[in-house]
Amino acid sequence: MLADSGVRRGSDMAKYLPLGAKGVLIGRAALHGVASGGAAGASRIIEILRHELDTVMALLGAASIEDLIGRHRYQ
């Protein structure tokens, strides 16, 4: 399953992955980045989302994506 519904923050990614998503699509965020700054804007959006995801993972005590999924996946 790929998640692509309302992903606007890194915390959204941290919610989808433990719920079973194999990937999270960030189309709208990337489009906003392209519209405001071209390729550099899209790269900046990806950096921002990654930083937000890293922050959320640190707050949850997860050192890696695998750790986040393994500790919090609902069965």
PDB file of N, CA and C in Angstrom:
ATOM      1  N   MET A   1       0.841  -1.159   0.000  1.00  0.00           N
ATOM      2  CA  MET A   1       0.000   0.000   0.000  1.00  0.00           C
ATOM      3  C   MET A   1       0.899   1.239   0.000  1.00  0.00           C
ATOM      4  N   LEU A   2       0.540   2.198  -0.815  1.00  0.00           N
ATOM      5  CA  LEU A   2       1.217   3.488  -0.828  1.00  0.00           C
ATOM      6  C   LEU A   2       0.248   4.527  -0.276  1.00  0.00           C
ATOM      7  N   ALA A   3       0.706   5.321   0.653  1.00  0.00           N
ATOM      8  CA  ALA A   3      -0.137   6.347   1.256  1.00  0.00           C
ATOM      9  C   ALA A   3       0.006   7.651   0.474  1.00  0.00           C
ATOM     10  N   ASP A   4      -1.117   8.213   0.102  1.00  0.00           N
ATOM     11  CA  ASP A   4      -1.101   9.479  -0.642  1.00  0.00           C
ATOM     12  C   ASP A   4      -2.369  10.261  -0.344  1.00  0.00           C
ATOM     13  N   SER A   5      -2.571  10.573   0.898  1.00  0.00           N
ATOM     14  CA  SER A   5      -3.775  11.298   1.261  1.00  0.00           C
ATOM     15  C   SER A   5      -3.450  12.321   2.335  1.00  0.00           C
ATOM     16  N   GLY A   6      -3.277  13.549   1.936  1.00  0.00           N
ATOM     17  CA  GLY A   6      -3.066  14.618   2.896  1.00  0.00           C
ATOM     18  C   GLY A   6      -1.708  14.637   3.557  1.00  0.00           C
ATOM     19  N   VAL A   7      -0.678  14.155   2.904  1.00  0.00           N
ATOM     20  CA  VAL A   7       0.664  14.156   3.490  1.00  0.00           C
ATOM     21  C   VAL A   7       1.257  15.548   3.325  1.00  0.00           C
ATOM     22  N   ARG A   8       1.374  16.252   4.426  1.00  0.00           N
ATOM     23  CA  ARG A   8       1.897  17.617   4.398  1.00  0.00           C
ATOM     24  C   ARG A   8       3.064  17.829   5.356  1.00  0.00           C
ATOM     25  N   ARG A   9       3.249  16.890   6.294  1.00  0.00           N
ATOM     26  CA  ARG A   9       4.303  17.029   7.302  1.00  0.00           C
ATOM     27  C   ARG A   9       5.005  15.690   7.499  1.00  0.00           C
ATOM     28  N   GLY A  10       6.183  15.766   8.084  1.00  0.00           N
ATOM     29  CA  GLY A  10       6.905  14.541   8.396  1.00  0.00           C
ATOM     30  C   GLY A  10       6.151  13.664   9.377  1.00  0.00           C
ATOM     31  N   SER A  11       5.361  14.273  10.255  1.00  0.00           N
ATOM     32  CA  SER A  11       4.581  13.486  11.209  1.00  0.00           C
ATOM     33  C   SER A  11       3.517  12.656  10.498  1.00  0.00           C
ATOM     34  N   ASP A  12       3.034  13.128   9.349  1.00  0.00           N
ATOM     35  CA  ASP A  12       2.083  12.339   8.571  1.00  0.00           C
ATOM     36  C   ASP A  12       2.742  11.052   8.085  1.00  0.00           C
ATOM     37  N   MET A  13       3.996  11.144   7.664  1.00  0.00           N
ATOM     38  CA  MET A  13       4.725   9.956   7.231  1.00  0.00           C
ATOM     39  C   MET A  13       4.922   8.995   8.397  1.00  0.00           C
ATOM     40  N   ALA A  14       5.232   9.542   9.561  1.00  0.00           N
ATOM     41  CA  ALA A  14       5.451   8.716  10.744  1.00  0.00           C
ATOM     42  C   ALA A  14       4.167   8.016  11.183  1.00  0.00           C
ATOM     43  N   LYS A  15       3.021   8.518  10.796  1.00  0.00           N
ATOM     44  CA  LYS A  15       1.751   7.862  11.103  1.00  0.00           C
ATOM     45  C   LYS A  15       1.449   6.750  10.112  1.00  0.00           C
ATOM     46  N   TYR A  16       1.685   6.993   8.836  1.00  0.00           N
ATOM     47  CA  TYR A  16       1.337   6.024   7.799  1.00  0.00           C
ATOM     48  C   TYR A  16       2.209   4.770   7.824  1.00  0.00           C
ATOM     49  N   LEU A  17       3.503   4.923   8.031  1.00  0.00           N
ATOM     50  CA  LEU A  17       4.416   3.780   7.940  1.00  0.00           C
ATOM     51  C   LEU A  17       4.099   2.673   8.943  1.00  0.00           C
ATOM     52  N   PRO A  18       3.881   2.969  10.215  1.00  0.00           N
ATOM     53  CA  PRO A  18       3.547   1.891  11.151  1.00  0.00           C
ATOM     54  C   PRO A  18       2.180   1.258  10.875  1.00  0.00           C
ATOM     55  N   LEU A  19       1.331   1.946  10.154  1.00  0.00           N
ATOM     56  CA  LEU A  19       0.012   1.405   9.838  1.00  0.00           C
ATOM     57  C   LEU A  19       0.032   0.473   8.634  1.00  0.00           C
ATOM     58  N   GLY A  20       1.193   0.272   8.031  1.00  0.00           N
ATOM     59  CA  GLY A  20       1.321  -0.701   6.964  1.00  0.00           C
ATOM     60  C   GLY A  20       1.677  -0.151   5.600  1.00  0.00           C
ATOM     61  N   ALA A  21       1.829   1.150   5.466  1.00  0.00           N
ATOM     62  CA  ALA A  21       2.200   1.719   4.168  1.00  0.00           C
ATOM     63  C   ALA A  21       3.628   1.305   3.820  1.00  0.00           C
ATOM     64  N   LYS A  22       3.835   0.898   2.593  1.00  0.00           N
ATOM     65  CA  LYS A  22       5.179   0.559   2.116  1.00  0.00           C
ATOM     66  C   LYS A  22       5.923   1.801   1.656  1.00  0.00           C
ATOM     67  N   GLY A  23       5.186   2.868   1.415  1.00  0.00           N
ATOM     68  CA  GLY A  23       5.771   4.128   0.995  1.00  0.00           C
ATOM     69  C   GLY A  23       4.763   5.246   1.174  1.00  0.00           C
ATOM     70  N   VAL A  24       5.260   6.464   1.217  1.00  0.00           N
ATOM     71  CA  VAL A  24       4.403   7.638   1.384  1.00  0.00           C
ATOM     72  C   VAL A  24       4.702   8.599   0.243  1.00  0.00           C
ATOM     73  N   LEU A  25       3.680   8.941  -0.513  1.00  0.00           N
ATOM     74  CA  LEU A  25       3.844   9.833  -1.657  1.00  0.00           C
ATOM     75  C   LEU A  25       3.667  11.281  -1.201  1.00  0.00           C
ATOM     76  N   ILE A  26       4.500  12.161  -1.718  1.00  0.00           N
ATOM     77  CA  ILE A  26       4.474  13.557  -1.284  1.00  0.00           C
ATOM     78  C   ILE A  26       4.224  14.494  -2.454  1.00  0.00           C
ATOM     79  N   GLY A  27       3.365  14.086  -3.358  1.00  0.00           N
ATOM     80  CA  GLY A  27       3.128  14.833  -4.590  1.00  0.00           C
ATOM     81  C   GLY A  27       2.751  16.281  -4.399  1.00  0.00           C
ATOM     82  N   ARG A  28       1.778  16.557  -3.548  1.00  0.00           N
ATOM     83  CA  ARG A  28       1.323  17.939  -3.378  1.00  0.00           C
ATOM     84  C   ARG A  28       2.427  18.818  -2.801  1.00  0.00           C
ATOM     85  N   ALA A  29       3.118  18.310  -1.803  1.00  0.00           N
ATOM     86  CA  ALA A  29       4.202  19.095  -1.203  1.00  0.00           C
ATOM     87  C   ALA A  29       5.290  19.387  -2.231  1.00  0.00           C
ATOM     88  N   ALA A  30       5.649  18.378  -3.015  1.00  0.00           N
ATOM     89  CA  ALA A  30       6.672  18.574  -4.038  1.00  0.00           C
ATOM     90  C   ALA A  30       6.216  19.580  -5.097  1.00  0.00           C
ATOM     91  N   LEU A  31       4.947  19.514  -5.471  1.00  0.00           N
ATOM     92  CA  LEU A  31       4.426  20.475  -6.454  1.00  0.00           C
ATOM     93  C   LEU A  31       4.479  21.905  -5.928  1.00  0.00           C
ATOM     94  N   HIS A  32       4.166  22.080  -4.659  1.00  0.00           N
ATOM     95  CA  HIS A  32       4.274  23.416  -4.068  1.00  0.00           C
ATOM     96  C   HIS A  32       5.722  23.903  -4.102  1.00  0.00           C
ATOM     97  N   GLY A  33       6.657  22.988  -3.835  1.00  0.00           N
ATOM     98  CA  GLY A  33       8.068  23.350  -3.898  1.00  0.00           C
ATOM     99  C   GLY A  33       8.499  23.741  -5.295  1.00  0.00           C
ATOM    100  N   VAL A  34       8.054  22.987  -6.302  1.00  0.00           N
ATOM    101  CA  VAL A  34       8.391  23.306  -7.693  1.00  0.00           C
ATOM    102  C   VAL A  34       7.787  24.648  -8.085  1.00  0.00           C
ATOM    103  N   ALA A  35       6.548  24.882  -7.675  1.00  0.00           N
ATOM    104  CA  ALA A  35       5.878  26.139  -8.025  1.00  0.00           C
ATOM    105  C   ALA A  35       6.578  27.345  -7.415  1.00  0.00           C
ATOM    106  N   SER A  36       7.121  27.178  -6.227  1.00  0.00           N
ATOM    107  CA  SER A  36       7.735  28.328  -5.564  1.00  0.00           C
ATOM    108  C   SER A  36       9.228  28.476  -5.843  1.00  0.00           C
ATOM    109  N   GLY A  37       9.894  27.373  -6.237  1.00  0.00           N
ATOM    110  CA  GLY A  37      11.336  27.504  -6.422  1.00  0.00           C
ATOM    111  C   GLY A  37      11.951  26.555  -7.421  1.00  0.00           C
ATOM    112  N   GLY A  38      11.145  25.987  -8.296  1.00  0.00           N
ATOM    113  CA  GLY A  38      11.686  25.065  -9.290  1.00  0.00           C
ATOM    114  C   GLY A  38      12.242  23.811  -8.645  1.00  0.00           C
ATOM    115  N   ALA A  39      13.271  23.250  -9.257  1.00  0.00           N
ATOM    116  CA  ALA A  39      13.877  22.019  -8.744  1.00  0.00           C
ATOM    117  C   ALA A  39      14.469  22.228  -7.347  1.00  0.00           C
ATOM    118  N   ALA A  40      15.035  23.397  -7.122  1.00  0.00           N
ATOM    119  CA  ALA A  40      15.590  23.694  -5.800  1.00  0.00           C
ATOM    120  C   ALA A  40      14.495  23.738  -4.741  1.00  0.00           C
ATOM    121  N   GLY A  41      13.336  24.247  -5.118  1.00  0.00           N
ATOM    122  CA  GLY A  41      12.200  24.283  -4.190  1.00  0.00           C
ATOM    123  C   GLY A  41      11.720  22.894  -3.834  1.00  0.00           C
ATOM    124  N   ALA A  42      11.666  21.997  -4.832  1.00  0.00           N
ATOM    125  CA  ALA A  42      11.265  20.616  -4.576  1.00  0.00           C
ATOM    126  C   ALA A  42      12.283  19.928  -3.663  1.00  0.00           C
ATOM    127  N   SER A  43      13.558  20.167  -3.900  1.00  0.00           N
ATOM    128  CA  SER A  43      14.600  19.591  -3.044  1.00  0.00           C
ATOM    129  C   SER A  43      14.480  20.098  -1.619  1.00  0.00           C
ATOM    130  N   ARG A  44      14.170  21.373  -1.493  1.00  0.00           N
ATOM    131  CA  ARG A  44      14.024  21.956  -0.145  1.00  0.00           C
ATOM    132  C   ARG A  44      12.843  21.352   0.598  1.00  0.00           C
ATOM    133  N   ILE A  45      11.753  21.118  -0.103  1.00  0.00           N
ATOM    134  CA  ILE A  45      10.587  20.489   0.526  1.00  0.00           C
ATOM    135  C   ILE A  45      10.949  19.098   1.036  1.00  0.00           C
ATOM    136  N   ILE A  46      11.679  18.346   0.243  1.00  0.00           N
ATOM    137  CA  ILE A  46      12.089  17.004   0.658  1.00  0.00           C
ATOM    138  C   ILE A  46      12.981  17.079   1.888  1.00  0.00           C
ATOM    139  N   GLU A  47      13.883  18.049   1.920  1.00  0.00           N
ATOM    140  CA  GLU A  47      14.739  18.245   3.099  1.00  0.00           C
ATOM    141  C   GLU A  47      13.904  18.561   4.332  1.00  0.00           C
ATOM    142  N   ILE A  48      12.926  19.432   4.184  1.00  0.00           N
ATOM    143  CA  ILE A  48      12.062  19.817   5.309  1.00  0.00           C
ATOM    144  C   ILE A  48      11.289  18.610   5.828  1.00  0.00           C
ATOM    145  N   LEU A  49      10.686  17.848   4.911  1.00  0.00           N
ATOM    146  CA  LEU A  49       9.922  16.668   5.322  1.00  0.00           C
ATOM    147  C   LEU A  49      10.813  15.652   6.019  1.00  0.00           C
ATOM    148  N   ARG A  50      12.027  15.454   5.508  1.00  0.00           N
ATOM    149  CA  ARG A  50      12.952  14.506   6.129  1.00  0.00           C
ATOM    150  C   ARG A  50      13.345  14.972   7.531  1.00  0.00           C
ATOM    151  N   HIS A  51      13.593  16.267   7.681  1.00  0.00           N
ATOM    152  CA  HIS A  51      13.944  16.806   9.004  1.00  0.00           C
ATOM    153  C   HIS A  51      12.776  16.619   9.978  1.00  0.00           C
ATOM    154  N   GLU A  52      11.560  16.898   9.522  1.00  0.00           N
ATOM    155  CA  GLU A  52      10.392  16.712  10.381  1.00  0.00           C
ATOM    156  C   GLU A  52      10.232  15.244  10.770  1.00  0.00           C
ATOM    157  N   LEU A  53      10.415  14.328   9.809  1.00  0.00           N
ATOM    158  CA  LEU A  53      10.319  12.899  10.114  1.00  0.00           C
ATOM    159  C   LEU A  53      11.392  12.498  11.117  1.00  0.00           C
ATOM    160  N   ASP A  54      12.617  12.972  10.928  1.00  0.00           N
ATOM    161  CA  ASP A  54      13.693  12.667  11.876  1.00  0.00           C
ATOM    162  C   ASP A  54      13.359  13.155  13.278  1.00  0.00           C
ATOM    163  N   THR A  55      12.774  14.346  13.376  1.00  0.00           N
ATOM    164  CA  THR A  55      12.406  14.910  14.679  1.00  0.00           C
ATOM    165  C   THR A  55      11.334  14.065  15.357  1.00  0.00           C
ATOM    166  N   VAL A  56      10.312  13.683  14.606  1.00  0.00           N
ATOM    167  CA  VAL A  56       9.241  12.856  15.165  1.00  0.00           C
ATOM    168  C   VAL A  56       9.795  11.506  15.606  1.00  0.00           C
ATOM    169  N   MET A  57      10.658  10.918  14.791  1.00  0.00           N
ATOM    170  CA  MET A  57      11.244   9.628  15.151  1.00  0.00           C
ATOM    171  C   MET A  57      12.065   9.742  16.430  1.00  0.00           C
ATOM    172  N   ALA A  58      12.812  10.824  16.571  1.00  0.00           N
ATOM    173  CA  ALA A  58      13.605  11.022  17.790  1.00  0.00           C
ATOM    174  C   ALA A  58      12.690  11.140  19.007  1.00  0.00           C
ATOM    175  N   LEU A  59      11.601  11.862  18.859  1.00  0.00           N
ATOM    176  CA  LEU A  59      10.655  12.006  19.972  1.00  0.00           C
ATOM    177  C   LEU A  59      10.003  10.674  20.346  1.00  0.00           C
ATOM    178  N   LEU A  60       9.848   9.782  19.362  1.00  0.00           N
ATOM    179  CA  LEU A  60       9.273   8.457  19.608  1.00  0.00           C
ATOM    180  C   LEU A  60      10.302   7.436  20.065  1.00  0.00           C
ATOM    181  N   GLY A  61      11.584   7.806  19.985  1.00  0.00           N
ATOM    182  CA  GLY A  61      12.644   6.887  20.372  1.00  0.00           C
ATOM    183  C   GLY A  61      13.012   5.886  19.293  1.00  0.00           C
ATOM    184  N   ALA A  62      12.709   6.205  18.050  1.00  0.00           N
ATOM    185  CA  ALA A  62      13.024   5.323  16.928  1.00  0.00           C
ATOM    186  C   ALA A  62      14.286   5.825  16.238  1.00  0.00           C
ATOM    187  N   ALA A  63      15.294   4.973  16.137  1.00  0.00           N
ATOM    188  CA  ALA A  63      16.563   5.366  15.524  1.00  0.00           C
ATOM    189  C   ALA A  63      16.552   5.218  14.009  1.00  0.00           C
ATOM    190  N   SER A  64      15.616   4.427  13.470  1.00  0.00           N
ATOM    191  CA  SER A  64      15.541   4.201  12.033  1.00  0.00           C
ATOM    192  C   SER A  64      14.086   3.980  11.630  1.00  0.00           C
ATOM    193  N   ILE A  65      13.841   3.999  10.327  1.00  0.00           N
ATOM    194  CA  ILE A  65      12.492   3.724   9.827  1.00  0.00           C
ATOM    195  C   ILE A  65      12.070   2.318  10.248  1.00  0.00           C
ATOM    196  N   GLU A  66      12.971   1.358  10.146  1.00  0.00           N
ATOM    197  CA  GLU A  66      12.664  -0.014  10.538  1.00  0.00           C
ATOM    198  C   GLU A  66      12.292  -0.085  12.013  1.00  0.00           C
ATOM    199  N   ASP A  67      12.984   0.697  12.816  1.00  0.00           N
ATOM    200  CA  ASP A  67      12.691   0.752  14.242  1.00  0.00           C
ATOM    201  C   ASP A  67      11.302   1.335  14.483  1.00  0.00           C
ATOM    202  N   LEU A  68      10.964   2.368  13.746  1.00  0.00           N
ATOM    203  CA  LEU A  68       9.645   2.989  13.857  1.00  0.00           C
ATOM    204  C   LEU A  68       8.557   1.986  13.487  1.00  0.00           C
ATOM    205  N   ILE A  69       8.755   1.281  12.400  1.00  0.00           N
ATOM    206  CA  ILE A  69       7.759   0.314  11.936  1.00  0.00           C
ATOM    207  C   ILE A  69       7.663  -0.866  12.892  1.00  0.00           C
ATOM    208  N   GLY A  70       8.796  -1.384  13.310  1.00  0.00           N
ATOM    209  CA  GLY A  70       8.817  -2.556  14.172  1.00  0.00           C
ATOM    210  C   GLY A  70       8.205  -2.329  15.528  1.00  0.00           C
ATOM    211  N   ARG A  71       8.434  -1.178  16.105  1.00  0.00           N
ATOM    212  CA  ARG A  71       7.933  -0.905  17.448  1.00  0.00           C
ATOM    213  C   ARG A  71       6.465  -0.543  17.474  1.00  0.00           C
ATOM    214  N   HIS A  72       5.979   0.057  16.422  1.00  0.00           N
ATOM    215  CA  HIS A  72       4.661   0.655  16.489  1.00  0.00           C
ATOM    216  C   HIS A  72       3.646   0.067  15.504  1.00  0.00           C
ATOM    217  N   ARG A  73       4.016  -0.953  14.739  1.00  0.00           N
ATOM    218  CA  ARG A  73       3.082  -1.510  13.753  1.00  0.00           C
ATOM    219  C   ARG A  73       1.937  -2.215  14.463  1.00  0.00           C
ATOM    220  N   TYR A  74       0.740  -1.907  14.047  1.00  0.00           N
ATOM    221  CA  TYR A  74      -0.451  -2.561  14.582  1.00  0.00           C
ATOM    222  C   TYR A  74      -0.628  -3.893  13.890  1.00  0.00           C
ATOM    223  N   GLN A  75      -0.912  -4.908  14.619  1.00  0.00           N
ATOM    224  CA  GLN A  75      -1.086  -6.259  14.049  1.00  0.00           C
ATOM    225  C   GLN A  75      -2.552  -6.587  13.886  1.00  0.00           C
TER     226      GLN A  75
END
